[in-house]
PDB file of N, CA and C in Angstrom:
ATOM      1  N   MET A   1      84.370 -17.212-131.235  1.00  0.00           N
ATOM      2  CA  MET A   1      84.230 -18.649-131.402  1.00  0.00           C
ATOM      3  C   MET A   1      82.746 -18.992-131.555  1.00  0.00           C
ATOM      4  N   PRO A   2      82.452 -19.969-132.402  1.00  0.00           N
ATOM      5  CA  PRO A   2      81.059 -20.383-132.556  1.00  0.00           C
ATOM      6  C   PRO A   2      80.547 -21.142-131.329  1.00  0.00           C
ATOM      7  N   THR A   3      79.246 -21.082-131.142  1.00  0.00           N
ATOM      8  CA  THR A   3      78.594 -21.798-130.048  1.00  0.00           C
ATOM      9  C   THR A   3      77.918 -23.042-130.609  1.00  0.00           C
ATOM     10  N   TYR A   4      78.078 -24.164-129.906  1.00  0.00           N
ATOM     11  CA  TYR A   4      77.474 -25.432-130.314  1.00  0.00           C
ATOM     12  C   TYR A   4      76.559 -25.923-129.189  1.00  0.00           C
ATOM     13  N   PHE A   5      75.475 -26.579-129.601  1.00  0.00           N
ATOM     14  CA  PHE A   5      74.488 -27.095-128.665  1.00  0.00           C
ATOM     15  C   PHE A   5      74.429 -28.608-128.810  1.00  0.00           C
ATOM     16  N   PHE A   6      74.270 -29.301-127.694  1.00  0.00           N
ATOM     17  CA  PHE A   6      74.302 -30.765-127.655  1.00  0.00           C
ATOM     18  C   PHE A   6      72.930 -31.267-127.200  1.00  0.00           C
ATOM     19  N   HIS A   7      72.231 -31.945-128.106  1.00  0.00           N
ATOM     20  CA  HIS A   7      70.870 -32.419-127.872  1.00  0.00           C
ATOM     21  C   HIS A   7      70.885 -33.945-127.761  1.00  0.00           C
ATOM     22  N   ILE A   8      70.226 -34.462-126.735  1.00  0.00           N
ATOM     23  CA  ILE A   8      70.152 -35.913-126.525  1.00  0.00           C
ATOM     24  C   ILE A   8      68.709 -36.355-126.690  1.00  0.00           C
ATOM     25  N   ARG A   9      68.549 -37.475-127.403  1.00  0.00           N
ATOM     26  CA  ARG A   9      67.224 -38.085-127.573  1.00  0.00           C
ATOM     27  C   ARG A   9      67.323 -39.573-127.301  1.00  0.00           C
ATOM     28  N   GLN A  10      66.345 -40.080-126.557  1.00  0.00           N
ATOM     29  CA  GLN A  10      66.205 -41.520-126.354  1.00  0.00           C
ATOM     30  C   GLN A  10      64.731 -41.783-126.095  1.00  0.00           C
ATOM     31  N   GLY A  11      64.089 -42.476-127.031  1.00  0.00           N
ATOM     32  CA  GLY A  11      62.662 -42.727-126.903  1.00  0.00           C
ATOM     33  C   GLY A  11      61.906 -41.416-126.800  1.00  0.00           C
ATOM     34  N   LYS A  12      61.085 -41.272-125.770  1.00  0.00           N
ATOM     35  CA  LYS A  12      60.295 -40.053-125.571  1.00  0.00           C
ATOM     36  C   LYS A  12      61.097 -38.944-124.903  1.00  0.00           C
ATOM     37  N   TYR A  13      62.285 -39.274-124.420  1.00  0.00           N
ATOM     38  CA  TYR A  13      63.118 -38.326-123.685  1.00  0.00           C
ATOM     39  C   TYR A  13      63.945 -37.477-124.645  1.00  0.00           C
ATOM     40  N   ALA A  14      63.929 -36.173-124.432  1.00  0.00           N
ATOM     41  CA  ALA A  14      64.769 -35.266-125.220  1.00  0.00           C
ATOM     42  C   ALA A  14      65.269 -34.158-124.294  1.00  0.00           C
ATOM     43  N   SER A  15      66.521 -33.775-124.483  1.00  0.00           N
ATOM     44  CA  SER A  15      67.132 -32.782-123.615  1.00  0.00           C
ATOM     45  C   SER A  15      68.257 -32.072-124.351  1.00  0.00           C
ATOM     46  N   THR A  16      68.539 -30.856-123.939  1.00  0.00           N
ATOM     47  CA  THR A  16      69.691 -30.116-124.447  1.00  0.00           C
ATOM     48  C   THR A  16      70.648 -29.915-123.291  1.00  0.00           C
ATOM     49  N   ILE A  17      71.922 -30.214-123.536  1.00  0.00           N
ATOM     50  CA  ILE A  17      72.945 -30.063-122.501  1.00  0.00           C
ATOM     51  C   ILE A  17      73.373 -28.604-122.426  1.00  0.00           C
ATOM     52  N   ALA A  18      73.199 -28.016-121.284  1.00  0.00           N
ATOM     53  CA  ALA A  18      73.660 -26.660-120.982  1.00  0.00           C
ATOM     54  C   ALA A  18      73.061 -25.611-121.908  1.00  0.00           C
ATOM     55  N   GLU A  19      73.636 -24.458-121.890  1.00  0.00           N
ATOM     56  CA  GLU A  19      73.181 -23.322-122.676  1.00  0.00           C
ATOM     57  C   GLU A  19      73.848 -23.271-124.046  1.00  0.00           C
ATOM     58  N   GLY A  20      74.829 -24.072-124.257  1.00  0.00           N
ATOM     59  CA  GLY A  20      75.645 -24.010-125.467  1.00  0.00           C
ATOM     60  C   GLY A  20      77.096 -23.844-125.043  1.00  0.00           C
ATOM     61  N   ILE A  21      77.976 -24.357-125.867  1.00  0.00           N
ATOM     62  CA  ILE A  21      79.398 -24.322-125.526  1.00  0.00           C
ATOM     63  C   ILE A  21      80.156 -23.678-126.679  1.00  0.00           C
ATOM     64  N   GLU A  22      80.980 -22.698-126.361  1.00  0.00           N
ATOM     65  CA  GLU A  22      81.817 -22.069-127.386  1.00  0.00           C
ATOM     66  C   GLU A  22      83.017 -22.966-127.661  1.00  0.00           C
ATOM     67  N   LEU A  23      83.184 -23.333-128.922  1.00  0.00           N
ATOM     68  CA  LEU A  23      84.294 -24.185-129.340  1.00  0.00           C
ATOM     69  C   LEU A  23      84.899 -23.634-130.623  1.00  0.00           C
ATOM     70  N   ALA A  24      86.136 -24.013-130.898  1.00  0.00           N
ATOM     71  CA  ALA A  24      86.875 -23.456-132.035  1.00  0.00           C
ATOM     72  C   ALA A  24      86.250 -23.783-133.385  1.00  0.00           C
ATOM     73  N   ASN A  25      85.733 -25.030-133.546  1.00  0.00           N
ATOM     74  CA  ASN A  25      85.218 -25.451-134.855  1.00  0.00           C
ATOM     75  C   ASN A  25      84.415 -26.744-134.707  1.00  0.00           C
ATOM     76  N   VAL A  26      83.936 -27.270-135.830  1.00  0.00           N
ATOM     77  CA  VAL A  26      83.125 -28.486-135.826  1.00  0.00           C
ATOM     78  C   VAL A  26      83.911 -29.675-135.277  1.00  0.00           C
ATOM     79  N   GLU A  27      85.182 -29.768-135.594  1.00  0.00           N
ATOM     80  CA  GLU A  27      86.000 -30.883-135.078  1.00  0.00           C
ATOM     81  C   GLU A  27      86.074 -30.836-133.557  1.00  0.00           C
ATOM     82  N   ALA A  28      86.207 -29.656-132.993  1.00  0.00           N
ATOM     83  CA  ALA A  28      86.213 -29.524-131.530  1.00  0.00           C
ATOM     84  C   ALA A  28      84.854 -29.913-130.961  1.00  0.00           C
ATOM     85  N   ALA A  29      83.766 -29.599-131.666  1.00  0.00           N
ATOM     86  CA  ALA A  29      82.417 -29.989-131.237  1.00  0.00           C
ATOM     87  C   ALA A  29      82.262 -31.506-131.292  1.00  0.00           C
ATOM     88  N   ARG A  30      82.807 -32.152-132.319  1.00  0.00           N
ATOM     89  CA  ARG A  30      82.757 -33.613-132.436  1.00  0.00           C
ATOM     90  C   ARG A  30      83.492 -34.258-131.264  1.00  0.00           C
ATOM     91  N   GLN A  31      84.661 -33.725-130.948  1.00  0.00           N
ATOM     92  CA  GLN A  31      85.441 -34.265-129.836  1.00  0.00           C
ATOM     93  C   GLN A  31      84.719 -34.078-128.507  1.00  0.00           C
ATOM     94  N   GLU A  32      84.071 -32.946-128.332  1.00  0.00           N
ATOM     95  CA  GLU A  32      83.301 -32.690-127.108  1.00  0.00           C
ATOM     96  C   GLU A  32      82.131 -33.666-127.002  1.00  0.00           C
ATOM     97  N   ALA A  33      81.439 -33.921-128.119  1.00  0.00           N
ATOM     98  CA  ALA A  33      80.323 -34.880-128.136  1.00  0.00           C
ATOM     99  C   ALA A  33      80.814 -36.275-127.746  1.00  0.00           C
ATOM    100  N   ALA A  34      81.954 -36.678-128.277  1.00  0.00           N
ATOM    101  CA  ALA A  34      82.512 -37.995-127.955  1.00  0.00           C
ATOM    102  C   ALA A  34      82.867 -38.077-126.474  1.00  0.00           C
ATOM    103  N   MET A  35      83.401 -37.010-125.920  1.00  0.00           N
ATOM    104  CA  MET A  35      83.764 -36.995-124.506  1.00  0.00           C
ATOM    105  C   MET A  35      82.515 -37.054-123.619  1.00  0.00           C
ATOM    106  N   ILE A  36      81.483 -36.296-123.983  1.00  0.00           N
ATOM    107  CA  ILE A  36      80.235 -36.323-123.223  1.00  0.00           C
ATOM    108  C   ILE A  36      79.640 -37.728-123.268  1.00  0.00           C
ATOM    109  N   CYS A  37      79.616 -38.324-124.457  1.00  0.00           N
ATOM    110  CA  CYS A  37      79.068 -39.675-124.628  1.00  0.00           C
ATOM    111  C   CYS A  37      79.841 -40.685-123.784  1.00  0.00           C
ATOM    112  N   SER A  38      81.152 -40.608-123.810  1.00  0.00           N
ATOM    113  CA  SER A  38      81.950 -41.570-123.035  1.00  0.00           C
ATOM    114  C   SER A  38      81.708 -41.391-121.538  1.00  0.00           C
ATOM    115  N   ASP A  39      81.496 -40.161-121.084  1.00  0.00           N
ATOM    116  CA  ASP A  39      81.190 -39.925-119.666  1.00  0.00           C
ATOM    117  C   ASP A  39      79.833 -40.513-119.275  1.00  0.00           C
ATOM    118  N   MET A  40      78.903 -40.576-120.236  1.00  0.00           N
ATOM    119  CA  MET A  40      77.547 -41.046-119.972  1.00  0.00           C
ATOM    120  C   MET A  40      77.342 -42.515-120.354  1.00  0.00           C
ATOM    121  N   ALA A  41      78.341 -43.174-120.894  1.00  0.00           N
ATOM    122  CA  ALA A  41      78.191 -44.496-121.504  1.00  0.00           C
ATOM    123  C   ALA A  41      77.505 -45.525-120.604  1.00  0.00           C
ATOM    124  N   ARG A  42      77.882 -45.620-119.367  1.00  0.00           N
ATOM    125  CA  ARG A  42      77.289 -46.633-118.473  1.00  0.00           C
ATOM    126  C   ARG A  42      75.785 -46.415-118.337  1.00  0.00           C
ATOM    127  N   ASP A  43      75.368 -45.181-118.148  1.00  0.00           N
ATOM    128  CA  ASP A  43      73.938 -44.881-118.022  1.00  0.00           C
ATOM    129  C   ASP A  43      73.199 -45.126-119.338  1.00  0.00           C
ATOM    130  N   ILE A  44      73.821 -44.763-120.441  1.00  0.00           N
ATOM    131  CA  ILE A  44      73.197 -44.951-121.751  1.00  0.00           C
ATOM    132  C   ILE A  44      72.933 -46.427-121.997  1.00  0.00           C
ATOM    133  N   VAL A  45      73.957 -47.243-121.844  1.00  0.00           N
ATOM    134  CA  VAL A  45      73.849 -48.671-122.146  1.00  0.00           C
ATOM    135  C   VAL A  45      72.827 -49.348-121.233  1.00  0.00           C
ATOM    136  N   SER A  46      72.781 -48.984-119.976  1.00  0.00           N
ATOM    137  CA  SER A  46      71.843 -49.619-119.052  1.00  0.00           C
ATOM    138  C   SER A  46      70.394 -49.310-119.397  1.00  0.00           C
ATOM    139  N   GLU A  47      70.143 -48.218-120.104  1.00  0.00           N
ATOM    140  CA  GLU A  47      68.777 -47.829-120.446  1.00  0.00           C
ATOM    141  C   GLU A  47      68.392 -48.153-121.886  1.00  0.00           C
ATOM    142  N   LEU A  48      69.277 -48.752-122.660  1.00  0.00           N
ATOM    143  CA  LEU A  48      68.955 -49.068-124.050  1.00  0.00           C
ATOM    144  C   LEU A  48      67.886 -50.142-124.181  1.00  0.00           C
ATOM    145  N   GLY A  49      67.661 -50.947-123.147  1.00  0.00           N
ATOM    146  CA  GLY A  49      66.603 -51.946-123.195  1.00  0.00           C
ATOM    147  C   GLY A  49      65.224 -51.309-123.244  1.00  0.00           C
ATOM    148  N   GLU A  50      65.072 -50.157-122.604  1.00  0.00           N
ATOM    149  CA  GLU A  50      63.792 -49.451-122.589  1.00  0.00           C
ATOM    150  C   GLU A  50      63.500 -48.787-123.925  1.00  0.00           C
ATOM    151  N   SER A  51      64.503 -48.260-124.547  1.00  0.00           N
ATOM    152  CA  SER A  51      64.397 -47.627-125.855  1.00  0.00           C
ATOM    153  C   SER A  51      65.717 -47.905-126.563  1.00  0.00           C
ATOM    154  N   PRO A  52      65.695 -48.700-127.635  1.00  0.00           N
ATOM    155  CA  PRO A  52      66.929 -49.249-128.192  1.00  0.00           C
ATOM    156  C   PRO A  52      67.836 -48.271-128.945  1.00  0.00           C
ATOM    157  N   GLU A  53      67.470 -46.999-129.020  1.00  0.00           N
ATOM    158  CA  GLU A  53      68.343 -46.067-129.730  1.00  0.00           C
ATOM    159  C   GLU A  53      68.550 -44.810-128.907  1.00  0.00           C
ATOM    160  N   TRP A  54      69.798 -44.378-128.828  1.00  0.00           N
ATOM    161  CA  TRP A  54      70.203 -43.159-128.133  1.00  0.00           C
ATOM    162  C   TRP A  54      70.928 -42.303-129.147  1.00  0.00           C
ATOM    163  N   GLN A  55      70.642 -41.015-129.146  1.00  0.00           N
ATOM    164  CA  GLN A  55      71.247 -40.151-130.157  1.00  0.00           C
ATOM    165  C   GLN A  55      71.630 -38.797-129.565  1.00  0.00           C
ATOM    166  N   MET A  56      72.792 -38.321-129.972  1.00  0.00           N
ATOM    167  CA  MET A  56      73.201 -36.969-129.644  1.00  0.00           C
ATOM    168  C   MET A  56      73.410 -36.217-130.957  1.00  0.00           C
ATOM    169  N   GLU A  57      72.778 -35.063-131.053  1.00  0.00           N
ATOM    170  CA  GLU A  57      72.996 -34.191-132.203  1.00  0.00           C
ATOM    171  C   GLU A  57      73.680 -32.926-131.722  1.00  0.00           C
ATOM    172  N   VAL A  58      74.652 -32.482-132.495  1.00  0.00           N
ATOM    173  CA  VAL A  58      75.338 -31.233-132.218  1.00  0.00           C
ATOM    174  C   VAL A  58      74.865 -30.238-133.265  1.00  0.00           C
ATOM    175  N   THR A  59      74.359 -29.103-132.794  1.00  0.00           N
ATOM    176  CA  THR A  59      73.909 -28.066-133.711  1.00  0.00           C
ATOM    177  C   THR A  59      74.720 -26.800-133.501  1.00  0.00           C
ATOM    178  N   ASP A  60      74.779 -26.004-134.557  1.00  0.00           N
ATOM    179  CA  ASP A  60      75.486 -24.730-134.453  1.00  0.00           C
ATOM    180  C   ASP A  60      74.503 -23.629-134.049  1.00  0.00           C
ATOM    181  N   GLY A  61      74.969 -22.411-134.022  1.00  0.00           N
ATOM    182  CA  GLY A  61      74.142 -21.277-133.612  1.00  0.00           C
ATOM    183  C   GLY A  61      72.946 -21.028-134.508  1.00  0.00           C
ATOM    184  N   ALA A  62      72.982 -21.524-135.744  1.00  0.00           N
ATOM    185  CA  ALA A  62      71.865 -21.384-136.681  1.00  0.00           C
ATOM    186  C   ALA A  62      70.927 -22.590-136.603  1.00  0.00           C
ATOM    187  N   ASP A  63      71.106 -23.457-135.609  1.00  0.00           N
ATOM    188  CA  ASP A  63      70.326 -24.674-135.386  1.00  0.00           C
ATOM    189  C   ASP A  63      70.504 -25.698-136.511  1.00  0.00           C
ATOM    190  N   LYS A  64      71.632 -25.651-137.185  1.00  0.00           N
ATOM    191  CA  LYS A  64      71.964 -26.631-138.224  1.00  0.00           C
ATOM    192  C   LYS A  64      72.722 -27.786-137.570  1.00  0.00           C
ATOM    193  N   THR A  65      72.284 -29.026-137.842  1.00  0.00           N
ATOM    194  CA  THR A  65      72.975 -30.189-137.304  1.00  0.00           C
ATOM    195  C   THR A  65      74.322 -30.336-138.002  1.00  0.00           C
ATOM    196  N   VAL A  66      75.400 -30.376-137.204  1.00  0.00           N
ATOM    197  CA  VAL A  66      76.747 -30.498-137.765  1.00  0.00           C
ATOM    198  C   VAL A  66      77.381 -31.855-137.449  1.00  0.00           C
ATOM    199  N   TYR A  67      76.804 -32.583-136.485  1.00  0.00           N
ATOM    200  CA  TYR A  67      77.355 -33.884-136.115  1.00  0.00           C
ATOM    201  C   TYR A  67      76.265 -34.670-135.421  1.00  0.00           C
ATOM    202  N   ARG A  68      76.206 -35.977-135.666  1.00  0.00           N
ATOM    203  CA  ARG A  68      75.228 -36.841-135.014  1.00  0.00           C
ATOM    204  C   ARG A  68      75.935 -38.121-134.573  1.00  0.00           C
ATOM    205  N   LEU A  69      75.694 -38.515-133.341  1.00  0.00           N
ATOM    206  CA  LEU A  69      76.248 -39.737-132.770  1.00  0.00           C
ATOM    207  C   LEU A  69      75.073 -40.604-132.332  1.00  0.00           C
ATOM    208  N   THR A  70      75.016 -41.847-132.834  1.00  0.00           N
ATOM    209  CA  THR A  70      73.897 -42.736-132.528  1.00  0.00           C
ATOM    210  C   THR A  70      74.404 -44.049-131.954  1.00  0.00           C
ATOM    211  N   LEU A  71      73.787 -44.490-130.865  1.00  0.00           N
ATOM    212  CA  LEU A  71      74.052 -45.804-130.283  1.00  0.00           C
ATOM    213  C   LEU A  71      72.757 -46.600-130.403  1.00  0.00           C
ATOM    214  N   ARG A  72      72.858 -47.828-130.864  1.00  0.00           N
ATOM    215  CA  ARG A  72      71.685 -48.664-131.075  1.00  0.00           C
ATOM    216  C   ARG A  72      71.943 -50.053-130.511  1.00  0.00           C
ATOM    217  N   ALA A  73      70.970 -50.583-129.798  1.00  0.00           N
ATOM    218  CA  ALA A  73      71.076 -51.938-129.243  1.00  0.00           C
ATOM    219  C   ALA A  73      70.055 -52.824-129.942  1.00  0.00           C
ATOM    220  N   GLU A  74      70.476 -54.031-130.296  1.00  0.00           N
ATOM    221  CA  GLU A  74      69.583 -54.986-130.937  1.00  0.00           C
ATOM    222  C   GLU A  74      69.727 -56.338-130.243  1.00  0.00           C
ATOM    223  N   LEU A  75      68.614 -56.937-129.902  1.00  0.00           N
ATOM    224  CA  LEU A  75      68.604 -58.273-129.339  1.00  0.00           C
ATOM    225  C   LEU A  75      68.443 -59.248-130.496  1.00  0.00           C
ATOM    226  N   LEU A  76      69.434 -60.090-130.698  1.00  0.00           N
ATOM    227  CA  LEU A  76      69.405 -61.057-131.793  1.00  0.00           C
ATOM    228  C   LEU A  76      69.149 -62.431-131.229  1.00  0.00           C
ATOM    229  N   GLU A  77      68.169 -63.101-131.786  1.00  0.00           N
ATOM    230  CA  GLU A  77      67.825 -64.443-131.325  1.00  0.00           C
ATOM    231  C   GLU A  77      68.314 -65.460-132.345  1.00  0.00           C
ATOM    232  N   ASP A  78      68.644 -66.647-131.852  1.00  0.00           N
ATOM    233  CA  ASP A  78      69.043 -67.731-132.777  1.00  0.00           C
ATOM    234  C   ASP A  78      67.836 -68.112-133.630  1.00  0.00           C
ATOM    235  N   GLY A  79      68.086 -68.313-134.947  1.00  0.00           N
ATOM    236  CA  GLY A  79      67.015 -68.628-135.879  1.00  0.00           C
ATOM    237  C   GLY A  79      66.514 -69.984-135.653  1.00  0.00           C
TER     238      GLY A  79
END
């Protein structure tokens, strides 16, 4: 099974989750990314004011990005 790596970026913060996870295919990696994101959602949203964009990239064993999930917060003011 291929190994996938999950990288998180928000502002100056960057991190890789674990050592890599063996999954059946890219679709399984996408589902894992969505599950990780949903588990972290409360923390992500509470910190979007400090840096308005949060991103998770999933890479394969060759360090090729196969999936990207981005959350962005925008403060809209009345014109």
